[in-house]
Amino acid sequence: GMSTDIITKWLASANQAMTWQVEIKQFRKSRSDAQNKLMWLQLNHLAKVRHEMGYDLFPAEAYHLLLKQTLLGNETIFLPGGDAIEQVKSTTKLNTKEMTEYLEKMDHYVGSEWDVQLPMPADLIWAIE
């Protein structure tokens, strides 16, 4: 089909002096760069505003950990040798739908628990739709 023609043409035109590595794997829409950018923008805002409200200064990463633990929970990681540890679930494993849900939960939690309105810049609002 057309896709094999594209690959064949690319291979024919590829610089033969270079070594190439081609990887083909099933596509899974993971958390988008825009969603990640939005999350960190909001976390940095949260850290700044909470400090302005008179609370101790914590970095955005600390709020990130707290919110992940509260909203996503922990997961058990099994280690070589049979030990297991609990760690906070990561947002990096979320797909775009799950990340949208997480960002919405984060917005709700921060608003209701800490009375902080998270920014939703116009250029990133599509990231959660």
N, C-alpha and C. Protein backbone atom coordinates (compact mmCIF):
# COMPACT_ATOMS: atom_id res chain seq x y z
N GLY A 1 0.82 -1.21 0.00
CA GLY A 1 0.00 0.00 0.00
C GLY A 1 0.85 1.25 0.00
N MET A 2 0.18 2.39 0.25
CA MET A 2 0.86 3.67 0.22
C MET A 2 1.96 3.78 1.28
N SER A 3 1.70 3.26 2.49
CA SER A 3 2.68 3.39 3.56
C SER A 3 3.98 2.63 3.23
N THR A 4 3.86 1.47 2.59
CA THR A 4 5.08 0.74 2.22
C THR A 4 5.84 1.47 1.12
N ASP A 5 5.13 2.16 0.21
CA ASP A 5 5.77 2.98 -0.82
C ASP A 5 6.59 4.09 -0.18
N ILE A 6 6.02 4.74 0.82
CA ILE A 6 6.71 5.82 1.53
C ILE A 6 7.99 5.29 2.18
N ILE A 7 7.87 4.15 2.85
CA ILE A 7 9.03 3.55 3.52
C ILE A 7 10.10 3.16 2.50
N THR A 8 9.69 2.55 1.41
CA THR A 8 10.63 2.14 0.35
C THR A 8 11.35 3.35 -0.23
N LYS A 9 10.60 4.42 -0.51
CA LYS A 9 11.20 5.65 -1.06
C LYS A 9 12.17 6.27 -0.06
N TRP A 10 11.78 6.29 1.22
CA TRP A 10 12.66 6.86 2.24
C TRP A 10 13.95 6.06 2.33
N LEU A 11 13.82 4.72 2.35
CA LEU A 11 15.01 3.87 2.43
C LEU A 11 15.94 4.11 1.25
N ALA A 12 15.37 4.28 0.06
CA ALA A 12 16.17 4.51 -1.15
C ALA A 12 16.90 5.86 -1.08
N SER A 13 16.25 6.86 -0.46
CA SER A 13 16.85 8.19 -0.41
C SER A 13 17.69 8.43 0.83
N ALA A 14 17.59 7.53 1.82
CA ALA A 14 18.33 7.70 3.08
C ALA A 14 19.83 7.70 2.82
N ASN A 15 20.52 8.52 3.55
CA ASN A 15 21.97 8.62 3.42
C ASN A 15 22.60 7.28 3.80
N GLN A 16 23.20 6.62 2.82
CA GLN A 16 23.76 5.29 3.05
C GLN A 16 25.01 5.33 3.94
N ALA A 17 25.62 6.51 4.06
CA ALA A 17 26.82 6.64 4.89
C ALA A 17 26.46 6.65 6.38
N MET A 18 25.18 6.90 6.67
CA MET A 18 24.74 6.95 8.06
C MET A 18 24.15 5.62 8.47
N THR A 19 24.16 5.36 9.78
CA THR A 19 23.50 4.18 10.32
C THR A 19 22.12 4.62 10.81
N TRP A 20 21.10 3.87 10.43
CA TRP A 20 19.73 4.23 10.80
C TRP A 20 19.15 3.20 11.74
N GLN A 21 18.27 3.65 12.62
CA GLN A 21 17.51 2.74 13.47
C GLN A 21 16.05 3.09 13.30
N VAL A 22 15.24 2.13 12.93
CA VAL A 22 13.81 2.36 12.72
C VAL A 22 13.05 1.51 13.73
N GLU A 23 12.10 2.14 14.41
CA GLU A 23 11.30 1.42 15.38
C GLU A 23 9.83 1.53 14.98
N ILE A 24 9.15 0.40 14.94
CA ILE A 24 7.71 0.41 14.65
C ILE A 24 7.02 -0.23 15.84
N LYS A 25 6.12 0.53 16.45
CA LYS A 25 5.38 -0.01 17.59
C LYS A 25 3.97 0.53 17.57
N GLN A 26 3.08 -0.16 18.28
CA GLN A 26 1.68 0.26 18.31
C GLN A 26 1.56 1.64 18.94
N PHE A 27 0.75 2.49 18.32
CA PHE A 27 0.56 3.86 18.79
C PHE A 27 -0.38 3.87 19.98
N ARG A 28 0.02 4.56 21.04
CA ARG A 28 -0.84 4.81 22.19
C ARG A 28 -0.69 6.27 22.54
N LYS A 29 -1.78 6.99 22.52
CA LYS A 29 -1.75 8.41 22.79
C LYS A 29 -1.48 8.63 24.28
N SER A 30 -0.25 9.04 24.60
CA SER A 30 0.10 9.24 26.00
C SER A 30 -0.17 10.69 26.39
N ARG A 31 0.00 10.95 27.66
CA ARG A 31 -0.14 12.31 28.18
C ARG A 31 0.56 13.27 27.22
N SER A 32 -0.11 14.29 26.80
CA SER A 32 0.47 15.18 25.80
C SER A 32 1.41 16.20 26.43
N ASP A 33 2.28 16.75 25.60
CA ASP A 33 3.19 17.81 26.06
C ASP A 33 2.40 19.01 26.57
N ALA A 34 1.30 19.32 25.88
CA ALA A 34 0.47 20.45 26.30
C ALA A 34 -0.14 20.21 27.68
N GLN A 35 -0.59 18.98 27.93
CA GLN A 35 -1.15 18.65 29.24
C GLN A 35 -0.08 18.76 30.33
N ASN A 36 1.11 18.29 30.02
CA ASN A 36 2.21 18.34 30.98
C ASN A 36 2.60 19.80 31.26
N LYS A 37 2.66 20.59 30.20
CA LYS A 37 2.99 22.03 30.34
C LYS A 37 1.95 22.73 31.21
N LEU A 38 0.67 22.42 30.97
CA LEU A 38 -0.41 23.01 31.74
C LEU A 38 -0.31 22.62 33.22
N MET A 39 -0.06 21.33 33.48
CA MET A 39 0.04 20.85 34.85
C MET A 39 1.14 21.60 35.61
N TRP A 40 2.33 21.73 35.00
CA TRP A 40 3.44 22.39 35.69
C TRP A 40 3.21 23.89 35.84
N LEU A 41 2.57 24.51 34.88
CA LEU A 41 2.20 25.92 34.99
C LEU A 41 1.28 26.10 36.21
N GLN A 42 0.31 25.19 36.34
CA GLN A 42 -0.64 25.27 37.45
C GLN A 42 0.03 24.96 38.79
N LEU A 43 0.92 23.99 38.81
CA LEU A 43 1.62 23.64 40.06
C LEU A 43 2.53 24.78 40.53
N ASN A 44 3.21 25.43 39.60
CA ASN A 44 4.05 26.57 39.96
C ASN A 44 3.21 27.73 40.48
N HIS A 45 2.05 27.95 39.86
CA HIS A 45 1.11 28.98 40.31
C HIS A 45 0.64 28.65 41.74
N LEU A 46 0.27 27.40 41.97
CA LEU A 46 -0.20 26.95 43.27
C LEU A 46 0.85 27.20 44.36
N ALA A 47 2.09 26.82 44.09
CA ALA A 47 3.17 27.00 45.06
C ALA A 47 3.35 28.49 45.40
N LYS A 48 3.29 29.34 44.39
CA LYS A 48 3.47 30.79 44.55
C LYS A 48 2.31 31.39 45.36
N VAL A 49 1.09 31.05 44.98
CA VAL A 49 -0.10 31.61 45.64
C VAL A 49 -0.22 31.14 47.09
N ARG A 50 0.05 29.87 47.34
CA ARG A 50 -0.02 29.36 48.72
C ARG A 50 0.98 30.09 49.61
N HIS A 51 2.16 30.37 49.07
CA HIS A 51 3.17 31.11 49.84
C HIS A 51 2.69 32.55 50.10
N GLU A 52 2.08 33.15 49.08
CA GLU A 52 1.54 34.51 49.24
C GLU A 52 0.40 34.55 50.26
N MET A 53 -0.29 33.40 50.44
CA MET A 53 -1.38 33.31 51.41
C MET A 53 -0.84 33.14 52.84
N GLY A 54 0.49 33.03 52.97
CA GLY A 54 1.09 32.94 54.30
C GLY A 54 1.56 31.55 54.70
N TYR A 55 1.44 30.59 53.81
CA TYR A 55 1.90 29.24 54.11
C TYR A 55 3.40 29.11 53.82
N ASP A 56 4.03 28.12 54.43
CA ASP A 56 5.44 27.88 54.17
C ASP A 56 5.66 27.69 52.67
N LEU A 57 6.86 28.07 52.23
CA LEU A 57 7.20 27.93 50.81
C LEU A 57 7.59 26.49 50.51
N PHE A 58 6.87 25.88 49.59
CA PHE A 58 7.20 24.54 49.10
C PHE A 58 7.35 24.62 47.59
N PRO A 59 8.27 23.84 47.01
CA PRO A 59 8.41 23.85 45.55
C PRO A 59 7.21 23.18 44.88
N ALA A 60 7.03 23.50 43.61
CA ALA A 60 5.94 22.89 42.82
C ALA A 60 6.00 21.37 42.89
N GLU A 61 7.22 20.80 42.93
CA GLU A 61 7.39 19.33 42.99
C GLU A 61 6.74 18.74 44.24
N ALA A 62 6.78 19.47 45.35
CA ALA A 62 6.16 18.98 46.59
C ALA A 62 4.64 18.93 46.46
N TYR A 63 4.07 19.96 45.83
CA TYR A 63 2.63 19.96 45.58
C TYR A 63 2.27 18.86 44.58
N HIS A 64 3.14 18.65 43.61
CA HIS A 64 2.93 17.58 42.62
C HIS A 64 2.83 16.22 43.31
N LEU A 65 3.77 15.94 44.22
CA LEU A 65 3.76 14.67 44.96
C LEU A 65 2.52 14.54 45.83
N LEU A 66 2.18 15.60 46.54
CA LEU A 66 1.01 15.58 47.42
C LEU A 66 -0.27 15.34 46.62
N LEU A 67 -0.42 16.04 45.50
CA LEU A 67 -1.63 15.89 44.69
C LEU A 67 -1.70 14.52 44.02
N LYS A 68 -0.56 14.01 43.55
CA LYS A 68 -0.56 12.66 42.96
C LYS A 68 -0.96 11.63 44.00
N GLN A 69 -0.40 11.75 45.22
CA GLN A 69 -0.73 10.79 46.28
C GLN A 69 -2.21 10.87 46.65
N THR A 70 -2.74 12.09 46.73
CA THR A 70 -4.14 12.30 47.10
C THR A 70 -5.09 11.84 46.00
N LEU A 71 -4.79 12.16 44.76
CA LEU A 71 -5.73 11.94 43.66
C LEU A 71 -5.49 10.64 42.88
N LEU A 72 -4.25 10.17 42.84
CA LEU A 72 -3.94 8.93 42.11
C LEU A 72 -3.64 7.76 43.03
N GLY A 73 -3.14 8.05 44.22
CA GLY A 73 -2.80 7.01 45.18
C GLY A 73 -1.42 6.43 44.95
N ASN A 74 -1.17 5.31 45.59
CA ASN A 74 0.13 4.64 45.52
C ASN A 74 0.05 3.39 44.65
N GLU A 75 1.21 2.90 44.25
CA GLU A 75 1.29 1.62 43.56
C GLU A 75 2.42 0.82 44.20
N THR A 76 2.29 -0.50 44.14
CA THR A 76 3.31 -1.38 44.69
C THR A 76 4.30 -1.73 43.58
N ILE A 77 5.58 -1.53 43.87
CA ILE A 77 6.64 -1.88 42.93
C ILE A 77 7.41 -3.05 43.52
N PHE A 78 7.49 -4.13 42.77
CA PHE A 78 8.22 -5.31 43.24
C PHE A 78 9.67 -5.23 42.79
N LEU A 79 10.57 -5.44 43.74
CA LEU A 79 12.00 -5.31 43.48
C LEU A 79 12.66 -6.69 43.37
N PRO A 80 13.80 -6.74 42.68
CA PRO A 80 14.55 -8.00 42.65
C PRO A 80 14.88 -8.42 44.08
N GLY A 81 14.80 -9.70 44.36
CA GLY A 81 15.06 -10.17 45.71
C GLY A 81 13.80 -10.36 46.53
N GLY A 82 12.66 -9.96 45.94
CA GLY A 82 11.39 -10.23 46.61
C GLY A 82 10.80 -9.10 47.42
N ASP A 83 11.56 -8.03 47.64
CA ASP A 83 11.01 -6.89 48.38
C ASP A 83 10.01 -6.14 47.51
N ALA A 84 9.12 -5.43 48.17
CA ALA A 84 8.15 -4.58 47.47
C ALA A 84 8.12 -3.23 48.17
N ILE A 85 7.99 -2.17 47.39
CA ILE A 85 7.86 -0.83 47.97
C ILE A 85 6.60 -0.17 47.44
N GLU A 86 6.09 0.75 48.24
CA GLU A 86 4.95 1.56 47.81
C GLU A 86 5.51 2.88 47.32
N GLN A 87 5.02 3.33 46.17
CA GLN A 87 5.41 4.67 45.72
C GLN A 87 4.20 5.35 45.10
N VAL A 88 4.26 6.68 45.07
CA VAL A 88 3.17 7.47 44.51
C VAL A 88 3.09 7.18 43.01
N LYS A 89 1.86 6.97 42.53
CA LYS A 89 1.66 6.72 41.09
C LYS A 89 2.13 7.91 40.28
N SER A 90 2.64 7.63 39.07
CA SER A 90 3.18 8.67 38.21
C SER A 90 2.13 9.14 37.20
N THR A 91 2.19 10.41 36.83
CA THR A 91 1.31 10.91 35.77
C THR A 91 1.85 10.55 34.38
N THR A 92 3.12 10.15 34.31
CA THR A 92 3.72 9.86 33.00
C THR A 92 3.09 8.64 32.33
N LYS A 93 2.48 7.76 33.14
CA LYS A 93 1.86 6.56 32.57
C LYS A 93 0.40 6.79 32.15
N LEU A 94 -0.12 7.97 32.41
CA LEU A 94 -1.52 8.26 32.06
C LEU A 94 -1.65 8.54 30.57
N ASN A 95 -2.77 8.09 29.99
CA ASN A 95 -3.05 8.47 28.60
C ASN A 95 -3.75 9.84 28.62
N THR A 96 -4.04 10.39 27.45
CA THR A 96 -4.58 11.76 27.40
C THR A 96 -5.93 11.89 28.11
N LYS A 97 -6.78 10.86 28.01
CA LYS A 97 -8.09 10.90 28.67
C LYS A 97 -7.90 10.89 30.20
N GLU A 98 -7.04 10.00 30.68
CA GLU A 98 -6.78 9.91 32.12
C GLU A 98 -6.13 11.19 32.64
N MET A 99 -5.27 11.79 31.83
CA MET A 99 -4.60 13.02 32.24
C MET A 99 -5.59 14.18 32.30
N THR A 100 -6.54 14.22 31.36
CA THR A 100 -7.60 15.22 31.41
C THR A 100 -8.38 15.08 32.71
N GLU A 101 -8.74 13.84 33.06
CA GLU A 101 -9.48 13.59 34.31
C GLU A 101 -8.65 14.01 35.52
N TYR A 102 -7.35 13.72 35.49
CA TYR A 102 -6.47 14.10 36.60
C TYR A 102 -6.40 15.62 36.75
N LEU A 103 -6.23 16.33 35.63
CA LEU A 103 -6.16 17.80 35.67
C LEU A 103 -7.46 18.41 36.19
N GLU A 104 -8.60 17.81 35.82
CA GLU A 104 -9.89 18.29 36.31
C GLU A 104 -10.03 18.04 37.82
N LYS A 105 -9.59 16.85 38.28
CA LYS A 105 -9.62 16.53 39.71
C LYS A 105 -8.71 17.47 40.49
N MET A 106 -7.54 17.74 39.92
CA MET A 106 -6.57 18.63 40.54
C MET A 106 -7.17 20.03 40.71
N ASP A 107 -7.80 20.53 39.65
CA ASP A 107 -8.43 21.84 39.67
C ASP A 107 -9.51 21.91 40.75
N HIS A 108 -10.34 20.88 40.81
CA HIS A 108 -11.42 20.82 41.80
C HIS A 108 -10.86 20.76 43.23
N TYR A 109 -9.88 19.88 43.45
CA TYR A 109 -9.30 19.69 44.78
C TYR A 109 -8.64 20.99 45.29
N VAL A 110 -7.82 21.59 44.42
CA VAL A 110 -7.10 22.81 44.79
C VAL A 110 -8.09 23.95 45.10
N GLY A 111 -9.16 24.03 44.32
CA GLY A 111 -10.17 25.05 44.55
C GLY A 111 -10.95 24.82 45.82
N SER A 112 -11.36 23.58 46.08
CA SER A 112 -12.21 23.30 47.24
C SER A 112 -11.40 23.19 48.55
N GLU A 113 -10.22 22.60 48.50
CA GLU A 113 -9.43 22.40 49.72
C GLU A 113 -8.58 23.60 50.10
N TRP A 114 -8.06 24.31 49.10
CA TRP A 114 -7.10 25.39 49.37
C TRP A 114 -7.57 26.76 48.87
N ASP A 115 -8.74 26.80 48.27
CA ASP A 115 -9.31 28.06 47.78
C ASP A 115 -8.37 28.79 46.81
N VAL A 116 -7.72 28.01 45.94
CA VAL A 116 -6.84 28.58 44.93
C VAL A 116 -7.43 28.29 43.55
N GLN A 117 -7.55 29.33 42.76
CA GLN A 117 -8.03 29.20 41.38
C GLN A 117 -6.83 28.96 40.47
N LEU A 118 -6.80 27.81 39.81
CA LEU A 118 -5.68 27.50 38.92
C LEU A 118 -5.84 28.21 37.58
N PRO A 119 -4.74 28.71 37.02
CA PRO A 119 -4.82 29.39 35.73
C PRO A 119 -5.16 28.42 34.61
N MET A 120 -5.93 28.91 33.64
CA MET A 120 -6.28 28.11 32.47
C MET A 120 -6.03 28.99 31.24
N PRO A 121 -4.75 29.09 30.83
CA PRO A 121 -4.44 29.97 29.70
C PRO A 121 -5.14 29.52 28.42
N ALA A 122 -5.59 30.50 27.65
CA ALA A 122 -6.33 30.22 26.42
C ALA A 122 -5.56 29.32 25.46
N ASP A 123 -4.23 29.48 25.44
CA ASP A 123 -3.44 28.68 24.50
C ASP A 123 -3.28 27.22 24.94
N LEU A 124 -3.71 26.90 26.16
CA LEU A 124 -3.58 25.51 26.63
C LEU A 124 -4.92 24.87 26.99
N ILE A 125 -6.01 25.62 26.90
CA ILE A 125 -7.31 25.07 27.33
C ILE A 125 -7.71 23.85 26.51
N TRP A 126 -7.31 23.82 25.25
CA TRP A 126 -7.62 22.66 24.39
C TRP A 126 -6.95 21.39 24.91
N ALA A 127 -5.95 21.51 25.74
CA ALA A 127 -5.22 20.34 26.25
C ALA A 127 -6.10 19.45 27.13
N ILE A 128 -7.18 20.02 27.69
CA ILE A 128 -8.02 19.21 28.56
C ILE A 128 -9.37 18.90 27.95
N GLU A 129 -9.55 19.23 26.67
CA GLU A 129 -10.83 18.95 26.02
C GLU A 129 -10.83 17.62 25.30
